[in-house]
C-alpha atoms as a PDB file:
ATOM      1  CA  MET A   1      -0.303  -0.341  -0.338  1.00  0.00           C
ATOM      2  CA  LEU A   2       2.013   3.677  -0.814  1.00  0.00           C
ATOM      3  CA  ASN A   3       0.123   6.659   1.254  1.00  0.00           C
ATOM      4  CA  ALA A   4      -1.162   9.380  -1.396  1.00  0.00           C
ATOM      5  CA  LEU A   5      -0.370  13.524  -0.259  1.00  0.00           C
ATOM      6  CA  ILE A   6      -2.571  15.717  -3.230  1.00  0.00           C
ATOM      7  CA  VAL A   7      -1.601  18.766  -3.847  1.00  0.00           C
ATOM      8  CA  ASP A   8      -3.500  21.341  -5.883  1.00  0.00           C
ATOM      9  CA  ASP A   9      -5.473  24.857  -6.013  1.00  0.00           C
ATOM     10  CA  GLU A  10      -8.629  23.095  -8.000  1.00  0.00           C
ATOM     11  CA  PRO A  11     -11.152  21.088  -6.300  1.00  0.00           C
ATOM     12  CA  LEU A  12     -12.077  19.791  -9.385  1.00  0.00           C
ATOM     13  CA  ALA A  13      -8.627  18.633 -10.092  1.00  0.00           C
ATOM     14  CA  HIS A  14      -9.021  16.172  -6.538  1.00  0.00           C
ATOM     15  CA  GLN A  15     -11.847  14.712  -7.908  1.00  0.00           C
ATOM     16  CA  VAL A  16     -10.593  13.213 -10.895  1.00  0.00           C
ATOM     17  CA  ILE A  17      -7.997  12.165  -9.160  1.00  0.00           C
ATOM     18  CA  LEU A  18      -9.876  10.357  -6.654  1.00  0.00           C
ATOM     19  CA  HIS A  19     -11.958   8.692  -9.221  1.00  0.00           C
ATOM     20  CA  HIS A  20      -8.965   7.682 -11.143  1.00  0.00           C
ATOM     21  CA  LEU A  21      -7.391   6.048  -8.113  1.00  0.00           C
ATOM     22  CA  LYS A  22     -10.662   4.371  -7.714  1.00  0.00           C
ATOM     23  CA  ALA A  23      -8.941   1.637 -10.480  1.00  0.00           C
ATOM     24  CA  HIS A  24      -5.454   1.814  -8.453  1.00  0.00           C
ATOM     25  CA  SER A  25      -6.482  -0.383  -4.762  1.00  0.00           C
ATOM     26  CA  ASP A  26      -2.561   0.188  -3.798  1.00  0.00           C
ATOM     27  CA  ILE A  27      -3.106   3.947  -3.448  1.00  0.00           C
ATOM     28  CA  GLN A  28      -3.988   5.209  -1.067  1.00  0.00           C
ATOM     29  CA  VAL A  29      -5.450   8.972  -0.334  1.00  0.00           C
ATOM     30  CA  SER A  30      -4.082   9.959   2.607  1.00  0.00           C
ATOM     31  CA  GLY A  31      -4.726  14.132   2.599  1.00  0.00           C
ATOM     32  CA  GLN A  32      -5.408  17.036   0.101  1.00  0.00           C
ATOM     33  CA  CYS A  33      -3.788  19.625   0.528  1.00  0.00           C
ATOM     34  CA  TYR A  34      -5.206  22.741  -1.769  1.00  0.00           C
ATOM     35  CA  ASN A  35      -1.406  24.493  -1.457  1.00  0.00           C
ATOM     36  CA  ALA A  36       1.732  24.050  -1.306  1.00  0.00           C
ATOM     37  CA  THR A  37       1.930  25.333   2.671  1.00  0.00           C
ATOM     38  CA  ASP A  38       0.336  23.182   4.316  1.00  0.00           C
ATOM     39  CA  ALA A  39       1.160  20.294   2.291  1.00  0.00           C
ATOM     40  CA  LEU A  40       4.372  21.340   3.996  1.00  0.00           C
ATOM     41  CA  CYS A  41       3.010  20.657   7.117  1.00  0.00           C
ATOM     42  CA  PHE A  42       1.414  17.743   6.429  1.00  0.00           C
ATOM     43  CA  LEU A  43       4.355  16.778   5.372  1.00  0.00           C
ATOM     44  CA  ALA A  44       6.299  17.829   8.321  1.00  0.00           C
ATOM     45  CA  ASN A  45       3.915  15.298  10.253  1.00  0.00           C
ATOM     46  CA  HIS A  46       2.711  12.072   8.148  1.00  0.00           C
ATOM     47  CA  SER A  47       4.229   9.640   5.895  1.00  0.00           C
ATOM     48  CA  ILE A  48       3.846   9.898   2.727  1.00  0.00           C
ATOM     49  CA  ASP A  49       5.270   7.501  -0.441  1.00  0.00           C
ATOM     50  CA  LEU A  50       3.830   9.584  -3.681  1.00  0.00           C
ATOM     51  CA  ILE A  51       2.337  12.607  -3.947  1.00  0.00           C
ATOM     52  CA  PHE A  52      -0.136  14.297  -7.065  1.00  0.00           C
ATOM     53  CA  LEU A  53       1.368  17.910  -7.424  1.00  0.00           C
ATOM     54  CA  ASP A  54       0.368  20.559  -9.555  1.00  0.00           C
ATOM     55  CA  ILE A  55       2.548  23.947 -10.161  1.00  0.00           C
ATOM     56  CA  ASN A  56       0.751  26.919 -10.578  1.00  0.00           C
ATOM     57  CA  MET A  57      -0.285  27.357  -7.558  1.00  0.00           C
ATOM     58  CA  PRO A  58      -0.693  30.695  -5.213  1.00  0.00           C
ATOM     59  CA  ALA A  59       2.389  31.605  -2.957  1.00  0.00           C
ATOM     60  CA  LEU A  60       4.326  28.904  -3.233  1.00  0.00           C
ATOM     61  CA  SER A  61       4.197  27.237  -6.757  1.00  0.00           C
ATOM     62  CA  GLY A  62       5.086  23.265  -7.149  1.00  0.00           C
ATOM     63  CA  ILE A  63       8.686  23.434  -8.030  1.00  0.00           C
ATOM     64  CA  GLU A  64       8.800  26.023  -5.485  1.00  0.00           C
ATOM     65  CA  LEU A  65       7.737  23.262  -2.780  1.00  0.00           C
ATOM     66  CA  LEU A  66      10.362  20.047  -4.094  1.00  0.00           C
ATOM     67  CA  LYS A  67      13.369  22.148  -4.205  1.00  0.00           C
ATOM     68  CA  VAL A  68      12.662  22.859  -0.264  1.00  0.00           C
ATOM     69  CA  LEU A  69      11.217  19.676   0.705  1.00  0.00           C
ATOM     70  CA  ALA A  70      14.833  17.736   2.342  1.00  0.00           C
ATOM     71  CA  ASN A  71      13.028  13.593   1.581  1.00  0.00           C
ATOM     72  CA  ARG A  72      12.020  14.090  -1.068  1.00  0.00           C
ATOM     73  CA  PRO A  73       8.718  11.089  -2.148  1.00  0.00           C
ATOM     74  CA  GLN A  74       8.067   9.883  -5.764  1.00  0.00           C
ATOM     75  CA  VAL A  75       6.045  12.194  -7.272  1.00  0.00           C
ATOM     76  CA  ILE A  76       3.753  12.526  -9.798  1.00  0.00           C
ATOM     77  CA  ILE A  77       3.175  16.379 -11.402  1.00  0.00           C
ATOM     78  CA  ILE A  78      -0.373  17.158 -12.980  1.00  0.00           C
ATOM     79  CA  SER A  79      -0.069  20.631 -14.557  1.00  0.00           C
ATOM     80  CA  ALA A  80      -1.937  22.486 -17.264  1.00  0.00           C
ATOM     81  CA  TYR A  81       1.328  23.620 -18.351  1.00  0.00           C
ATOM     82  CA  GLN A  82       4.059  21.189 -20.401  1.00  0.00           C
ATOM     83  CA  GLU A  83       6.424  23.706 -19.896  1.00  0.00           C
ATOM     84  CA  TYR A  84       7.970  22.834 -16.678  1.00  0.00           C
ATOM     85  CA  ALA A  85       7.941  19.107 -17.474  1.00  0.00           C
ATOM     86  CA  LEU A  86      11.939  19.784 -17.594  1.00  0.00           C
ATOM     87  CA  GLN A  87      12.790  21.086 -14.895  1.00  0.00           C
ATOM     88  CA  GLY A  88      10.100  18.914 -12.609  1.00  0.00           C
ATOM     89  CA  PHE A  89      12.694  16.018 -14.231  1.00  0.00           C
ATOM     90  CA  GLU A  90      15.091  17.802 -13.622  1.00  0.00           C
ATOM     91  CA  LEU A  91      14.548  17.448  -9.310  1.00  0.00           C
ATOM     92  CA  ASP A  92      13.766  13.224 -10.079  1.00  0.00           C
ATOM     93  CA  VAL A  93      10.206  13.467 -10.645  1.00  0.00           C
ATOM     94  CA  THR A  94       8.589  10.173 -11.012  1.00  0.00           C
ATOM     95  CA  ASP A  95       6.172  11.248 -14.282  1.00  0.00           C
ATOM     96  CA  TYR A  96       4.830  14.212 -15.558  1.00  0.00           C
ATOM     97  CA  LEU A  97       1.403  14.327 -16.588  1.00  0.00           C
ATOM     98  CA  LEU A  98      -0.574  16.898 -18.391  1.00  0.00           C
ATOM     99  CA  LYS A  99      -4.198  18.239 -17.996  1.00  0.00           C
ATOM    100  CA  PRO A 100      -6.655  17.050 -17.720  1.00  0.00           C
ATOM    101  CA  VAL A 101      -5.836  13.478 -16.445  1.00  0.00           C
ATOM    102  CA  ASP A 102      -5.801  10.189 -18.973  1.00  0.00           C
ATOM    103  CA  ALA A 103      -6.547   7.366 -16.619  1.00  0.00           C
ATOM    104  CA  LYS A 104      -4.513   5.309 -18.666  1.00  0.00           C
ATOM    105  CA  ARG A 105      -2.636   7.808 -18.951  1.00  0.00           C
ATOM    106  CA  LEU A 106      -1.960   7.699 -14.478  1.00  0.00           C
ATOM    107  CA  SER A 107      -2.263   3.870 -14.444  1.00  0.00           C
ATOM    108  CA  VAL A 108       1.079   4.188 -16.586  1.00  0.00           C
ATOM    109  CA  ALA A 109       2.767   6.974 -13.886  1.00  0.00           C
ATOM    110  CA  LEU A 110       1.348   4.006 -11.482  1.00  0.00           C
ATOM    111  CA  ASP A 111       3.257   1.475 -12.574  1.00  0.00           C
ATOM    112  CA  LYS A 112       6.366   2.915 -13.063  1.00  0.00           C
ATOM    113  CA  VAL A 113       5.791   4.502  -9.525  1.00  0.00           C
ATOM    114  CA  ARG A 114       5.292   0.531  -8.313  1.00  0.00           C
ATOM    115  CA  VAL A 115       8.414  -0.280  -9.966  1.00  0.00           C
ATOM    116  CA  ARG A 116      10.696   2.568  -8.152  1.00  0.00           C
ATOM    117  CA  ALA A 117       9.047   1.279  -4.686  1.00  0.00           C
ATOM    118  CA  GLN A 118      10.255  -2.665  -5.039  1.00  0.00           C
ATOM    119  CA  LEU A 119      13.955  -1.245  -5.904  1.00  0.00           C
ATOM    120  CA  ASN A 120      13.488   0.903  -3.132  1.00  0.00           C
ATOM    121  CA  GLU A 121      13.164  -2.124  -0.453  1.00  0.00           C
ATOM    122  CA  PRO A 122      14.968  -3.152   1.571  1.00  0.00           C
ATOM    123  CA  PRO A 123      16.263  -6.880   0.394  1.00  0.00           C
ATOM    124  CA  ALA A 124      14.129  -9.700   2.139  1.00  0.00           C
ATOM    125  CA  PRO A 125      16.577 -11.360   4.935  1.00  0.00           C
ATOM    126  CA  VAL A 126      18.200 -14.953   4.067  1.00  0.00           C
ATOM    127  CA  ALA A 127      16.832 -17.082   6.158  1.00  0.00           C
ATOM    128  CA  PRO A 128      19.678 -19.435   7.809  1.00  0.00           C
ATOM    129  CA  GLN A 129      20.467 -22.558   5.825  1.00  0.00           C
ATOM    130  CA  ASP A 130      20.515 -24.269   9.538  1.00  0.00           C
ATOM    131  CA  LEU A 131      19.546 -25.307  13.152  1.00  0.00           C
ATOM    132  CA  SER A 132      21.674 -23.075  15.375  1.00  0.00           C
ATOM    133  CA  GLY A 133      20.496 -19.879  14.579  1.00  0.00           C
ATOM    134  CA  HIS A 134      17.360 -17.509  15.828  1.00  0.00           C
ATOM    135  CA  ILE A 135      14.967 -15.938  14.575  1.00  0.00           C
ATOM    136  CA  VAL A 136      13.732 -12.479  16.207  1.00  0.00           C
ATOM    137  CA  LEU A 137       9.689 -13.013  16.986  1.00  0.00           C
ATOM    138  CA  LYS A 138       7.169  -9.062  17.434  1.00  0.00           C
ATOM    139  CA  VAL A 139       5.411 -10.167  19.950  1.00  0.00           C
ATOM    140  CA  GLU A 140       2.328  -7.781  21.172  1.00  0.00           C
ATOM    141  CA  ARG A 141       5.003  -3.862  21.858  1.00  0.00           C
ATOM    142  CA  GLU A 142       7.929  -7.001  22.902  1.00  0.00           C
ATOM    143  CA  LYS A 143      11.451  -9.253  20.532  1.00  0.00           C
ATOM    144  CA  HIS A 144      11.858 -11.927  21.213  1.00  0.00           C
ATOM    145  CA  LYS A 145      14.431 -13.943  20.478  1.00  0.00           C
ATOM    146  CA  VAL A 146      13.330 -17.418  19.671  1.00  0.00           C
ATOM    147  CA  ALA A 147      16.402 -20.375  18.399  1.00  0.00           C
ATOM    148  CA  ILE A 148      15.397 -22.512  15.748  1.00  0.00           C
ATOM    149  CA  LYS A 149      15.820 -25.950  16.958  1.00  0.00           C
ATOM    150  CA  GLU A 150      13.623 -25.892  19.386  1.00  0.00           C
ATOM    151  CA  ILE A 151       9.971 -24.821  17.470  1.00  0.00           C
ATOM    152  CA  SER A 152       8.524 -27.813  16.631  1.00  0.00           C
ATOM    153  CA  TYR A 153       6.166 -26.267  14.891  1.00  0.00           C
ATOM    154  CA  LEU A 154       3.285 -23.160  13.366  1.00  0.00           C
ATOM    155  CA  GLU A 155       0.501 -22.454  14.184  1.00  0.00           C
ATOM    156  CA  ALA A 156      -1.647 -19.627  11.963  1.00  0.00           C
ATOM    157  CA  TYR A 157      -3.872 -18.513  15.183  1.00  0.00           C
ATOM    158  CA  GLY A 158      -6.209 -14.698  13.001  1.00  0.00           C
ATOM    159  CA  ASN A 159      -3.539 -12.258  11.924  1.00  0.00           C
ATOM    160  CA  TYR A 160      -0.789 -13.900  14.465  1.00  0.00           C
ATOM    161  CA  VAL A 161       1.297 -17.250  14.242  1.00  0.00           C
ATOM    162  CA  LYS A 162       1.585 -19.134  17.336  1.00  0.00           C
ATOM    163  CA  VAL A 163       5.409 -20.552  17.868  1.00  0.00           C
ATOM    164  CA  TRP A 164       5.059 -23.717  19.613  1.00  0.00           C
ATOM    165  CA  GLN A 165       8.852 -25.001  21.758  1.00  0.00           C
ATOM    166  CA  GLY A 166       7.676 -28.193  22.655  1.00  0.00           C
ATOM    167  CA  ASP A 167       5.034 -28.204  25.778  1.00  0.00           C
ATOM    168  CA  THR A 168       5.426 -23.593  24.765  1.00  0.00           C
ATOM    169  CA  MET A 169       3.493 -21.455  23.251  1.00  0.00           C
ATOM    170  CA  THR A 170       4.620 -17.718  22.140  1.00  0.00           C
ATOM    171  CA  LEU A 171       1.961 -15.889  20.003  1.00  0.00           C
ATOM    172  CA  ALA A 172       3.537 -13.458  17.520  1.00  0.00           C
ATOM    173  CA  ASN A 173       2.824 -10.384  15.250  1.00  0.00           C
ATOM    174  CA  THR A 174       3.296 -12.054  11.884  1.00  0.00           C
ATOM    175  CA  THR A 175       1.449 -14.457   9.343  1.00  0.00           C
ATOM    176  CA  LEU A 176       3.207 -18.654   8.413  1.00  0.00           C
ATOM    177  CA  LYS A 177       4.091 -16.900   5.290  1.00  0.00           C
ATOM    178  CA  GLN A 178       6.391 -14.538   6.763  1.00  0.00           C
ATOM    179  CA  LEU A 179       7.706 -16.146   8.837  1.00  0.00           C
ATOM    180  CA  LEU A 180       8.670 -19.312   6.770  1.00  0.00           C
ATOM    181  CA  THR A 181      10.388 -17.361   4.704  1.00  0.00           C
ATOM    182  CA  GLU A 182      12.826 -16.609   7.809  1.00  0.00           C
ATOM    183  CA  LEU A 183      13.354 -20.847   8.553  1.00  0.00           C
ATOM    184  CA  PRO A 184      15.572 -23.031   6.880  1.00  0.00           C
ATOM    185  CA  GLU A 185      13.320 -25.143   4.513  1.00  0.00           C
ATOM    186  CA  ALA A 186      15.580 -27.839   4.432  1.00  0.00           C
ATOM    187  CA  PHE A 187      14.372 -28.190   8.091  1.00  0.00           C
ATOM    188  CA  PHE A 188      10.326 -26.660   8.310  1.00  0.00           C
ATOM    189  CA  VAL A 189       7.352 -28.200   5.835  1.00  0.00           C
ATOM    190  CA  GLN A 190       4.027 -26.505   5.113  1.00  0.00           C
ATOM    191  CA  VAL A 191       1.709 -29.248   5.940  1.00  0.00           C
ATOM    192  CA  HIS A 192      -1.888 -27.560   6.663  1.00  0.00           C
ATOM    193  CA  LYS A 193      -2.645 -24.267   5.867  1.00  0.00           C
ATOM    194  CA  SER A 194      -2.396 -23.788   9.142  1.00  0.00           C
ATOM    195  CA  PHE A 195       0.473 -25.525  10.112  1.00  0.00           C
ATOM    196  CA  VAL A 196       4.179 -25.755   9.993  1.00  0.00           C
ATOM    197  CA  VAL A 197       6.932 -28.273  11.658  1.00  0.00           C
ATOM    198  CA  ASN A 198      10.635 -28.991  12.145  1.00  0.00           C
ATOM    199  CA  LYS A 199      11.679 -32.679  10.652  1.00  0.00           C
ATOM    200  CA  GLN A 200      13.938 -32.358  13.465  1.00  0.00           C
ATOM    201  CA  HIS A 201      10.936 -33.084  14.767  1.00  0.00           C
ATOM    202  CA  ILE A 202       8.562 -35.403  13.527  1.00  0.00           C
ATOM    203  CA  THR A 203       8.576 -39.673  14.822  1.00  0.00           C
ATOM    204  CA  ALA A 204       6.110 -41.068  13.512  1.00  0.00           C
ATOM    205  CA  PHE A 205       4.007 -40.361  10.599  1.00  0.00           C
ATOM    206  CA  THR A 206       0.107 -41.880   8.292  1.00  0.00           C
ATOM    207  CA  THR A 207      -0.562 -40.343   4.699  1.00  0.00           C
ATOM    208  CA  GLN A 208      -3.134 -38.363   7.390  1.00  0.00           C
ATOM    209  CA  SER A 209      -1.220 -37.192   9.556  1.00  0.00           C
ATOM    210  CA  LEU A 210       2.058 -36.615  11.970  1.00  0.00           C
ATOM    211  CA  GLN A 211       2.843 -37.037  15.076  1.00  0.00           C
ATOM    212  CA  LEU A 212       6.142 -34.709  16.655  1.00  0.00           C
ATOM    213  CA  ALA A 213       8.001 -35.584  19.762  1.00  0.00           C
ATOM    214  CA  THR A 214       5.690 -34.167  22.095  1.00  0.00           C
ATOM    215  CA  GLY A 215       2.372 -36.037  20.913  1.00  0.00           C
ATOM    216  CA  GLN A 216       0.898 -33.842  19.055  1.00  0.00           C
ATOM    217  CA  ALA A 217      -0.963 -34.594  15.981  1.00  0.00           C
ATOM    218  CA  ILE A 218      -0.796 -32.660  13.320  1.00  0.00           C
ATOM    219  CA  LYS A 219      -3.734 -32.993  10.061  1.00  0.00           C
ATOM    220  CA  ILE A 220      -1.996 -32.595   6.646  1.00  0.00           C
ATOM    221  CA  GLY A 221      -4.226 -31.073   4.132  1.00  0.00           C
ATOM    222  CA  LYS A 222      -4.961 -32.810   1.108  1.00  0.00           C
ATOM    223  CA  SER A 223      -3.393 -30.441  -0.970  1.00  0.00           C
ATOM    224  CA  TYR A 224      -0.076 -30.661   0.868  1.00  0.00           C
ATOM    225  CA  LYS A 225       0.227 -35.106   0.890  1.00  0.00           C
ATOM    226  CA  ALA A 226       3.328 -35.111  -1.536  1.00  0.00           C
ATOM    227  CA  SER A 227       5.407 -32.327   0.147  1.00  0.00           C
ATOM    228  CA  CYS A 228       4.919 -34.769   3.255  1.00  0.00           C
ATOM    229  CA  GLN A 229       6.108 -38.033   1.437  1.00  0.00           C
ATOM    230  CA  ASP A 230       9.354 -38.210   2.063  1.00  0.00           C
ATOM    231  CA  LEU A 231       9.516 -35.813   5.389  1.00  0.00           C
ATOM    232  CA  LEU A 232      10.904 -39.722   7.154  1.00  0.00           C
END
């Protein structure tokens, strides 16, 4: 999800942009400003990924706004005047659109925004390849360090994951999909839409379920049976 700010002194321009953005669910308009001065105040107090920016505005122009912004988010200039395009691109705006805004042209500009956003994302953590390390779990407002080898299995629980270490459970604020990227693939396998198990803790299994060293029985989901054939 990208948080956007619309900066334009014309209310109609806001309406047009909002209308076109209905087709782009990953763009959320978090603020609307009708002059550059208000935009400066808004940006000082909010985290914004994208600005839809007009050029000709009273007091402070869009170009002047860009020049004074220290940490500038991505910008799509939307102007009735083509002559400011060079200045805009010199200030590294993502795209420059002419009014009236065309839906297809805006879609092209938003694709450019998405590409830049992906390039600026930090690399995903590399999962360890053995059981000797630790993972850090977010538990409420704290962070807990858990030894990977001690994890018996993971259980999806709404918007959380129950991380089981034998009979001890830690309720982590994450998802199974995310945790799987942080655990060694050679030792952890998903056997059900709600369960991921540590292969080293499996003591027995059938085509329907498997048993862990703690005595816990885990059901094998139909769509996961093929991946469970060579568990032991």
